[in-house]
Amino acid sequence: MQTPFPAAHTAGLNASPLPRWLLAWICGCIVSGSGQLQAQTIYRIVGPDGQVTFSDIPGVSSANKVTPVDKAAASAAPIGAALPFELRQVVGKYPVTLYTSSNCAPCDSGRSLLTSRGVPFSEKTINTAQDAAALQKLSGNNAVPLLTVGAQHVAGFSAQEWTDYLSAAGYPERSSLPANYRPPPAAPLITTEKPNAPSATASAAAPAAPLPPPVTDRKISPSNPTGIQF
């Protein structure tokens, strides 16, 4: 047997609906409050090796350079920012990195190819002995330019070969970058931090960040006549 509602409660159920202006005011307050709850600060973190990451938690290491994204320079927009969905998926699977040095005409040609095709990429410069040693460990030699597409390494500049690798990875033939896209600035392959003052508690330098995987063997597949495998 069901217990009937008290008269006071049933009277509330039969009351007339709230005026429209009052409902609109309540909804506006809810939306405004939700936006404030979702707002948070995102930090741009540059590690000792020059690698850029983004997090809602400031970097805890004193060697990291932390900048709130809303105060970062427009020219330092991260790769993947405001990219079309399809391009963002390709960048996430097969990121592109270009290794260059100064006074290198093939490096300039490679950079121009990536830019004209609209390929988001990171650029690492090889200007010191430490940079050259790291590149030697990465690719087996210290020649530039070096292009990496995911785990694939392409030494030297060849417009046709670079185009084949980019197409095999899924990068569009024509640029689909938004007009306001700005690539991240070039950074040294090895970044050394200078201490502010000598300290007795200073320890050995932090280990270098892991390098990308070594060159993988190319295998020919009927569905991939270029022989490029990712």
Protein backbone atom coordinates (compact mmCIF):
# COMPACT_ATOMS: atom_id res chain seq x y z
CA MET A 1 0.00 0.00 0.00
CA GLN A 2 1.38 3.41 -0.96
CA THR A 3 1.49 6.22 1.55
CA PRO A 4 -0.07 9.43 0.17
CA PHE A 5 2.02 12.62 0.17
CA PRO A 6 1.20 15.16 2.85
CA ALA A 7 -0.99 17.99 1.70
CA ALA A 8 1.86 20.50 1.97
CA HIS A 9 3.99 18.46 -0.46
CA THR A 10 1.25 17.91 -3.02
CA ALA A 11 0.54 21.61 -2.97
CA GLY A 12 4.16 22.25 -3.98
CA LEU A 13 3.84 19.82 -6.91
CA ASN A 14 0.84 21.69 -8.26
CA ALA A 15 2.47 25.14 -7.94
CA SER A 16 2.84 27.26 -11.08
CA PRO A 17 6.22 27.07 -12.91
CA LEU A 18 8.91 29.68 -12.27
CA PRO A 19 8.89 32.78 -14.48
CA ARG A 20 11.09 32.57 -17.57
CA TRP A 21 13.32 35.43 -16.49
CA LEU A 22 14.09 33.65 -13.22
CA LEU A 23 14.91 30.36 -14.99
CA ALA A 24 17.24 32.18 -17.40
CA TRP A 25 19.04 33.87 -14.50
CA ILE A 26 19.53 30.53 -12.70
CA CYS A 27 20.88 28.85 -15.87
CA GLY A 28 23.30 31.73 -16.46
CA CYS A 29 24.68 31.41 -12.95
CA ILE A 30 25.19 27.66 -13.38
CA VAL A 31 27.05 28.07 -16.69
CA SER A 32 29.24 30.85 -15.27
CA GLY A 33 30.12 28.79 -12.23
CA SER A 34 30.97 25.74 -14.35
CA GLY A 35 33.41 27.78 -16.45
CA GLN A 36 35.19 29.00 -13.34
CA LEU A 37 35.49 25.48 -11.98
CA GLN A 38 36.98 24.16 -15.23
CA ALA A 39 39.52 26.97 -15.64
CA GLN A 40 43.05 26.00 -14.70
CA THR A 41 46.58 27.09 -15.46
CA ILE A 42 48.58 25.05 -17.97
CA TYR A 43 52.37 25.26 -17.69
CA ARG A 44 54.95 25.03 -20.50
CA ILE A 45 57.96 23.09 -19.14
CA VAL A 46 61.33 23.08 -20.89
CA GLY A 47 63.61 20.32 -19.58
CA PRO A 48 67.44 20.43 -19.43
CA ASP A 49 67.57 18.67 -22.83
CA GLY A 50 65.36 21.32 -24.42
CA GLN A 51 62.32 19.02 -24.61
CA VAL A 52 59.04 20.90 -24.19
CA THR A 53 56.10 19.40 -22.27
CA PHE A 54 52.80 20.77 -21.02
CA SER A 55 51.16 20.04 -17.69
CA ASP A 56 48.74 21.50 -15.17
CA ILE A 57 51.41 20.88 -12.49
CA PRO A 58 54.55 23.11 -12.41
CA GLY A 59 57.86 21.30 -12.93
CA VAL A 60 59.44 20.36 -9.62
CA SER A 61 63.05 20.25 -10.87
CA SER A 62 65.10 23.42 -10.58
CA ALA A 63 66.65 22.58 -13.97
CA ASN A 64 63.29 22.97 -15.69
CA LYS A 65 62.13 26.28 -17.09
CA VAL A 66 58.42 26.69 -16.34
CA THR A 67 56.20 29.31 -17.98
CA PRO A 68 52.39 29.60 -17.80
CA VAL A 69 51.04 29.03 -21.30
CA ASP A 70 49.01 32.25 -21.29
CA LYS A 71 52.26 34.22 -20.78
CA ALA A 72 54.39 32.28 -23.28
CA ALA A 73 55.44 33.91 -26.52
CA ALA A 74 53.15 33.29 -29.48
CA SER A 75 56.11 32.03 -31.51
CA ALA A 76 56.59 29.17 -29.04
CA ALA A 77 53.23 27.54 -29.75
CA PRO A 78 53.48 23.79 -29.09
CA ILE A 79 53.36 21.24 -31.87
CA GLY A 80 49.80 19.97 -32.15
CA ALA A 81 48.21 23.21 -30.92
CA ALA A 82 45.01 23.96 -32.82
CA LEU A 83 45.79 21.35 -35.47
CA PRO A 84 43.05 19.64 -37.51
CA PHE A 85 42.03 16.31 -36.01
CA GLU A 86 43.51 14.12 -38.76
CA LEU A 87 46.86 15.93 -38.67
CA ARG A 88 46.94 15.81 -34.87
CA GLN A 89 46.52 12.02 -35.02
CA VAL A 90 49.48 11.64 -37.40
CA VAL A 91 51.69 13.95 -35.32
CA GLY A 92 50.90 11.91 -32.21
CA LYS A 93 51.91 8.63 -33.88
CA TYR A 94 54.83 9.77 -36.01
CA PRO A 95 56.36 13.04 -34.74
CA VAL A 96 58.87 14.69 -37.05
CA THR A 97 62.22 16.06 -35.88
CA LEU A 98 64.78 17.84 -38.05
CA TYR A 99 68.44 17.96 -36.99
CA THR A 100 70.35 20.85 -38.54
CA SER A 101 73.44 23.01 -38.20
CA SER A 102 74.35 26.54 -39.20
CA ASN A 103 75.59 27.33 -42.73
CA CYS A 104 74.01 24.13 -44.06
CA ALA A 105 72.28 24.57 -47.43
CA PRO A 106 70.70 21.04 -47.43
CA CYS A 107 69.32 21.79 -43.95
CA ASP A 108 67.66 24.91 -45.32
CA SER A 109 66.17 22.91 -48.20
CA GLY A 110 64.81 20.28 -45.82
CA ARG A 111 63.29 22.92 -43.56
CA SER A 112 61.65 24.58 -46.55
CA LEU A 113 60.15 21.27 -47.71
CA LEU A 114 58.60 20.57 -44.30
CA THR A 115 57.29 24.11 -44.00
CA SER A 116 55.78 24.27 -47.48
CA ARG A 117 54.07 20.91 -47.00
CA GLY A 118 52.67 21.99 -43.65
CA VAL A 119 54.40 19.34 -41.52
CA PRO A 120 54.65 20.29 -37.84
CA PHE A 121 58.17 19.49 -36.69
CA SER A 122 60.73 20.10 -33.96
CA GLU A 123 64.17 21.35 -34.93
CA LYS A 124 67.33 20.41 -33.04
CA THR A 125 70.55 22.24 -33.83
CA ILE A 126 74.00 20.64 -33.84
CA ASN A 127 76.53 23.35 -32.96
CA THR A 128 78.72 21.90 -30.20
CA ALA A 129 80.85 18.83 -29.63
CA GLN A 130 78.22 17.55 -27.19
CA ASP A 131 75.53 17.94 -29.82
CA ALA A 132 77.65 16.06 -32.37
CA ALA A 133 78.35 13.23 -29.91
CA ALA A 134 74.66 12.87 -29.12
CA LEU A 135 73.78 12.82 -32.82
CA GLN A 136 76.48 10.19 -33.41
CA LYS A 137 74.89 8.01 -30.74
CA LEU A 138 71.43 8.62 -32.16
CA SER A 139 72.02 7.94 -35.85
CA GLY A 140 75.44 6.31 -36.16
CA ASN A 141 77.04 9.43 -37.67
CA ASN A 142 77.02 13.17 -37.10
CA ALA A 143 75.99 14.26 -40.61
CA VAL A 144 73.18 16.74 -41.07
CA PRO A 145 70.47 17.18 -42.04
CA LEU A 146 68.86 14.22 -40.33
CA LEU A 147 65.11 13.70 -40.49
CA THR A 148 63.27 11.41 -38.08
CA VAL A 149 59.67 10.40 -38.75
CA GLY A 150 58.56 8.38 -35.77
CA ALA A 151 61.28 5.72 -35.37
CA GLN A 152 62.51 6.09 -38.96
CA HIS A 153 65.76 7.95 -39.67
CA VAL A 154 66.52 9.55 -43.04
CA ALA A 155 70.11 10.83 -43.33
CA GLY A 156 70.86 13.58 -45.82
CA PHE A 157 68.38 15.62 -47.81
CA SER A 158 66.50 14.05 -50.69
CA ALA A 159 63.20 15.69 -51.59
CA GLN A 160 61.78 12.47 -53.06
CA GLU A 161 62.86 10.27 -50.15
CA TRP A 162 61.58 12.71 -47.53
CA THR A 163 58.29 12.99 -49.40
CA ASP A 164 57.93 9.19 -49.50
CA TYR A 165 58.48 8.88 -45.77
CA LEU A 166 56.07 11.68 -44.90
CA SER A 167 53.39 10.22 -47.19
CA ALA A 168 53.87 6.72 -45.77
CA ALA A 169 53.39 8.12 -42.27
CA GLY A 170 50.11 9.74 -43.34
CA TYR A 171 51.03 13.42 -43.54
CA PRO A 172 48.80 15.27 -46.05
CA GLU A 173 50.24 16.22 -49.42
CA ARG A 174 49.20 19.85 -48.92
CA SER A 175 49.34 22.02 -45.84
CA SER A 176 46.29 21.92 -43.59
CA LEU A 177 47.85 24.04 -40.83
CA PRO A 178 45.72 26.91 -39.51
CA ALA A 179 46.82 30.38 -40.56
CA ASN A 180 47.83 31.33 -37.00
CA TYR A 181 50.02 28.26 -36.42
CA ARG A 182 53.56 29.06 -35.27
CA PRO A 183 56.23 26.33 -35.04
CA PRO A 184 58.34 26.02 -31.89
CA PRO A 185 61.78 27.67 -32.12
CA ALA A 186 64.84 25.58 -32.91
CA ALA A 187 66.72 24.37 -29.83
CA PRO A 188 70.14 22.76 -29.25
CA LEU A 189 70.16 18.98 -29.10
CA ILE A 190 72.01 19.19 -25.78
CA THR A 191 71.17 22.02 -23.39
CA THR A 192 73.58 22.66 -20.52
CA GLU A 193 72.34 24.54 -17.47
CA LYS A 194 74.80 26.95 -15.82
CA PRO A 195 74.48 26.94 -12.01
CA ASN A 196 73.87 30.29 -10.37
CA ALA A 197 76.50 29.67 -7.71
CA PRO A 198 78.78 26.77 -6.71
CA SER A 199 77.24 24.51 -4.11
CA ALA A 200 78.81 21.85 -1.91
CA THR A 201 75.70 19.71 -2.31
CA ALA A 202 75.79 19.80 -6.10
CA SER A 203 75.82 16.32 -7.54
CA ALA A 204 76.65 14.92 -10.93
CA ALA A 205 74.61 16.19 -13.86
CA ALA A 206 71.26 14.54 -14.41
CA PRO A 207 71.30 11.71 -16.98
CA ALA A 208 70.49 12.76 -20.51
CA ALA A 209 66.97 12.18 -21.80
CA PRO A 210 66.54 8.91 -23.74
CA LEU A 211 67.27 9.25 -27.44
CA PRO A 212 64.82 8.12 -30.14
CA PRO A 213 65.02 4.47 -31.22
CA PRO A 214 67.81 3.53 -33.66
CA VAL A 215 67.26 3.05 -37.36
CA THR A 216 64.96 0.14 -38.15
CA ASP A 217 65.28 -2.18 -41.11
CA ARG A 218 63.18 -1.45 -44.15
CA LYS A 219 60.86 -4.21 -45.34
CA ILE A 220 59.05 -4.35 -48.68
CA SER A 221 55.31 -4.95 -48.52
CA PRO A 222 52.82 -5.24 -51.44
CA SER A 223 50.70 -2.54 -49.79
CA ASN A 224 53.74 -0.31 -49.24
CA PRO A 225 55.85 -0.23 -52.41
CA THR A 226 58.25 2.34 -50.93
CA GLY A 227 59.44 -0.24 -48.39
CA ILE A 228 58.85 2.14 -45.45
CA GLN A 229 57.64 0.45 -42.27
CA PHE A 230 56.65 2.27 -39.08
